[in-house]
Amino acid sequence: MSNKQWVQHISGQGEKFFVEAQNERVWIINEPCFMRLPKSEYRLCDPPEVWKDVTEECKLSPLAGSELSHDGMRLFLPMGYRFRKVRIYPYQQPTEITKWAFIVEQQVTE
């Protein structure tokens, strides 16, 4: 378990910031820039989710219904993985049918 602290606006929206220090009234943030965030407006929260692209490491088996796997794990309903659908625009012929690609990302845990 990490003792790192993160804060986010009380609305639950917006960026999460890593807390460098604090006092009675403010959270002190150094990244992305030095800020003092009022404790009345920002609350402790879970750390942000971190994902890495593992697409290149995945294998697609045309047998077994195009099963996708990563490190031997079958990814039918992946937990800790997410798929992103990306539109690939045709650059040569604008009249070509738009094609799609999928990016596979794995959640990074500390």
Foldseek 3Di string as FASTA:
>chain_A
DDPWWWKDFPVPDDDIFTFPDDDPFWGFGPPPHTDTHGPVGMDTDDDDWDKDWCQVQWDFDVPPPRWIDHPNHTVPPDDQKDKDKDWDQDPPDNPDDIDIDITIIGIDDD
